[in-house]
């Protein structure tokens, strides 16, 4: 019985940790990548700098 408890408790705690990580809103937000929006702000920034697409 002790062996079963010793296996179940750590796995349960790890499952809770994974569940909390997956539910985070900032998980898909990478600040290193440029933001893309519907207004085409990245294209306007390139045009202002003189870069061609």
N, C-alpha and C. Protein backbone atom coordinates (compact mmCIF):
# COMPACT_ATOMS: atom_id res chain seq x y z
N UNK A 1 0.82 -1.20 0.00
CA UNK A 1 0.00 0.00 0.00
C UNK A 1 0.86 1.26 0.00
N UNK A 2 1.95 1.25 0.74
CA UNK A 2 2.84 2.41 0.80
C UNK A 2 3.44 2.67 -0.58
N UNK A 3 3.77 1.62 -1.31
CA UNK A 3 4.35 1.80 -2.64
C UNK A 3 3.36 2.48 -3.58
N UNK A 4 2.12 2.11 -3.49
CA UNK A 4 1.11 2.73 -4.34
C UNK A 4 0.95 4.22 -4.00
N UNK A 5 0.93 4.54 -2.73
CA UNK A 5 0.82 5.95 -2.32
C UNK A 5 2.06 6.72 -2.76
N UNK A 6 3.22 6.11 -2.64
CA UNK A 6 4.47 6.78 -3.03
C UNK A 6 4.51 7.03 -4.54
N UNK A 7 3.81 6.26 -5.33
CA UNK A 7 3.75 6.48 -6.77
C UNK A 7 2.65 7.46 -7.15
N UNK A 8 1.53 7.39 -6.48
CA UNK A 8 0.37 8.20 -6.87
C UNK A 8 0.55 9.67 -6.49
N UNK A 9 1.03 9.94 -5.32
CA UNK A 9 1.12 11.34 -4.86
C UNK A 9 2.04 12.18 -5.75
N UNK A 10 3.27 11.76 -6.06
CA UNK A 10 4.11 12.60 -6.94
C UNK A 10 3.54 12.77 -8.34
N UNK A 11 2.92 11.72 -8.87
CA UNK A 11 2.33 11.84 -10.20
C UNK A 11 1.12 12.78 -10.18
N UNK A 12 0.36 12.75 -9.13
CA UNK A 12 -0.77 13.65 -9.00
C UNK A 12 -0.29 15.10 -8.91
N UNK A 13 0.75 15.35 -8.14
CA UNK A 13 1.29 16.70 -8.01
C UNK A 13 1.87 17.18 -9.34
N UNK A 14 2.55 16.30 -10.07
CA UNK A 14 3.08 16.68 -11.38
C UNK A 14 1.95 16.97 -12.37
N UNK A 15 0.88 16.21 -12.30
CA UNK A 15 -0.26 16.45 -13.18
C UNK A 15 -0.90 17.81 -12.89
N UNK A 16 -0.99 18.18 -11.64
CA UNK A 16 -1.51 19.50 -11.29
C UNK A 16 -0.59 20.59 -11.82
N UNK A 17 0.73 20.41 -11.71
CA UNK A 17 1.67 21.40 -12.21
C UNK A 17 1.56 21.56 -13.72
N UNK A 18 1.44 20.46 -14.44
CA UNK A 18 1.29 20.53 -15.90
C UNK A 18 -0.02 21.20 -16.25
N UNK A 19 -1.07 20.88 -15.56
CA UNK A 19 -2.39 21.48 -15.83
C UNK A 19 -2.33 23.00 -15.64
N UNK A 20 -1.65 23.44 -14.56
CA UNK A 20 -1.55 24.89 -14.32
C UNK A 20 -0.69 25.57 -15.37
N UNK A 21 0.36 24.92 -15.84
CA UNK A 21 1.21 25.50 -16.87
C UNK A 21 0.48 25.62 -18.20
N UNK A 22 -0.30 24.61 -18.55
CA UNK A 22 -1.02 24.61 -19.81
C UNK A 22 -2.11 25.68 -19.82
N UNK A 23 -2.69 25.97 -18.68
CA UNK A 23 -3.79 26.93 -18.60
C UNK A 23 -3.32 28.38 -18.55
N UNK A 24 -2.01 28.63 -18.53
CA UNK A 24 -1.51 30.01 -18.46
C UNK A 24 -1.77 30.75 -19.77
N UNK A 25 -2.17 32.01 -19.67
CA UNK A 25 -2.46 32.81 -20.85
C UNK A 25 -1.19 33.24 -21.58
N UNK A 26 -0.11 33.46 -20.85
CA UNK A 26 1.11 33.95 -21.48
C UNK A 26 1.99 32.84 -22.04
N UNK A 27 1.47 31.63 -22.10
CA UNK A 27 2.27 30.51 -22.60
C UNK A 27 2.57 30.67 -24.09
N UNK A 28 1.62 31.21 -24.85
CA UNK A 28 1.81 31.38 -26.29
C UNK A 28 2.38 32.74 -26.65
N UNK A 29 2.72 33.56 -25.70
CA UNK A 29 3.23 34.90 -25.97
C UNK A 29 4.75 34.90 -25.91
N UNK A 30 5.39 35.13 -27.06
CA UNK A 30 6.84 35.18 -27.12
C UNK A 30 7.25 36.62 -27.40
N UNK A 31 7.85 37.31 -26.43
CA UNK A 31 8.19 38.71 -26.64
C UNK A 31 9.29 38.91 -27.68
N UNK A 32 10.04 37.90 -28.03
CA UNK A 32 11.10 38.04 -29.02
C UNK A 32 10.55 38.10 -30.44
N UNK A 33 9.33 37.62 -30.66
CA UNK A 33 8.74 37.64 -31.98
C UNK A 33 7.97 38.93 -32.20
N UNK A 34 7.97 39.44 -33.45
CA UNK A 34 7.19 40.66 -33.71
C UNK A 34 5.69 40.36 -33.62
N UNK A 35 4.96 41.31 -33.16
CA UNK A 35 3.51 41.15 -33.04
C UNK A 35 2.86 41.38 -34.38
N UNK A 36 1.92 40.51 -34.71
CA UNK A 36 1.17 40.65 -35.96
C UNK A 36 -0.26 41.03 -35.58
N UNK A 37 -0.73 42.10 -36.19
CA UNK A 37 -2.11 42.49 -35.95
C UNK A 37 -2.80 42.75 -37.28
N UNK A 38 -4.08 42.97 -37.22
CA UNK A 38 -4.87 43.11 -38.44
C UNK A 38 -4.62 44.43 -39.14
N UNK A 39 -4.02 45.39 -38.46
CA UNK A 39 -3.79 46.70 -39.06
C UNK A 39 -2.51 46.74 -39.89
N UNK A 40 -1.68 45.72 -39.84
CA UNK A 40 -0.46 45.68 -40.63
C UNK A 40 0.62 46.60 -40.08
N UNK A 41 0.75 46.67 -38.79
CA UNK A 41 1.71 47.56 -38.17
C UNK A 41 3.14 47.19 -38.53
N UNK A 42 3.42 45.91 -38.64
CA UNK A 42 4.78 45.48 -39.00
C UNK A 42 5.13 45.94 -40.41
N UNK A 43 4.16 45.88 -41.33
CA UNK A 43 4.41 46.33 -42.69
C UNK A 43 4.65 47.84 -42.73
N UNK A 44 3.91 48.59 -41.93
CA UNK A 44 4.12 50.04 -41.89
C UNK A 44 5.48 50.38 -41.30
N UNK A 45 5.93 49.62 -40.31
CA UNK A 45 7.25 49.87 -39.74
C UNK A 45 8.34 49.61 -40.76
N UNK A 46 8.18 48.55 -41.55
CA UNK A 46 9.18 48.27 -42.59
C UNK A 46 9.19 49.36 -43.63
N UNK A 47 8.01 49.84 -44.02
CA UNK A 47 7.91 50.89 -45.02
C UNK A 47 8.54 52.19 -44.51
N UNK A 48 8.37 52.46 -43.23
CA UNK A 48 8.93 53.68 -42.65
C UNK A 48 10.45 53.61 -42.61
N UNK A 49 11.00 52.41 -42.48
CA UNK A 49 12.45 52.23 -42.45
C UNK A 49 13.04 52.12 -43.83
N UNK A 50 12.21 52.02 -44.83
CA UNK A 50 12.70 51.93 -46.20
C UNK A 50 12.98 50.52 -46.67
N UNK A 51 12.61 49.53 -45.90
CA UNK A 51 12.81 48.12 -46.30
C UNK A 51 11.73 47.70 -47.28
N UNK A 52 12.08 46.83 -48.18
CA UNK A 52 11.09 46.29 -49.10
C UNK A 52 10.62 44.95 -48.60
N UNK A 53 9.34 44.62 -48.78
CA UNK A 53 8.79 43.34 -48.28
C UNK A 53 9.35 42.15 -48.99
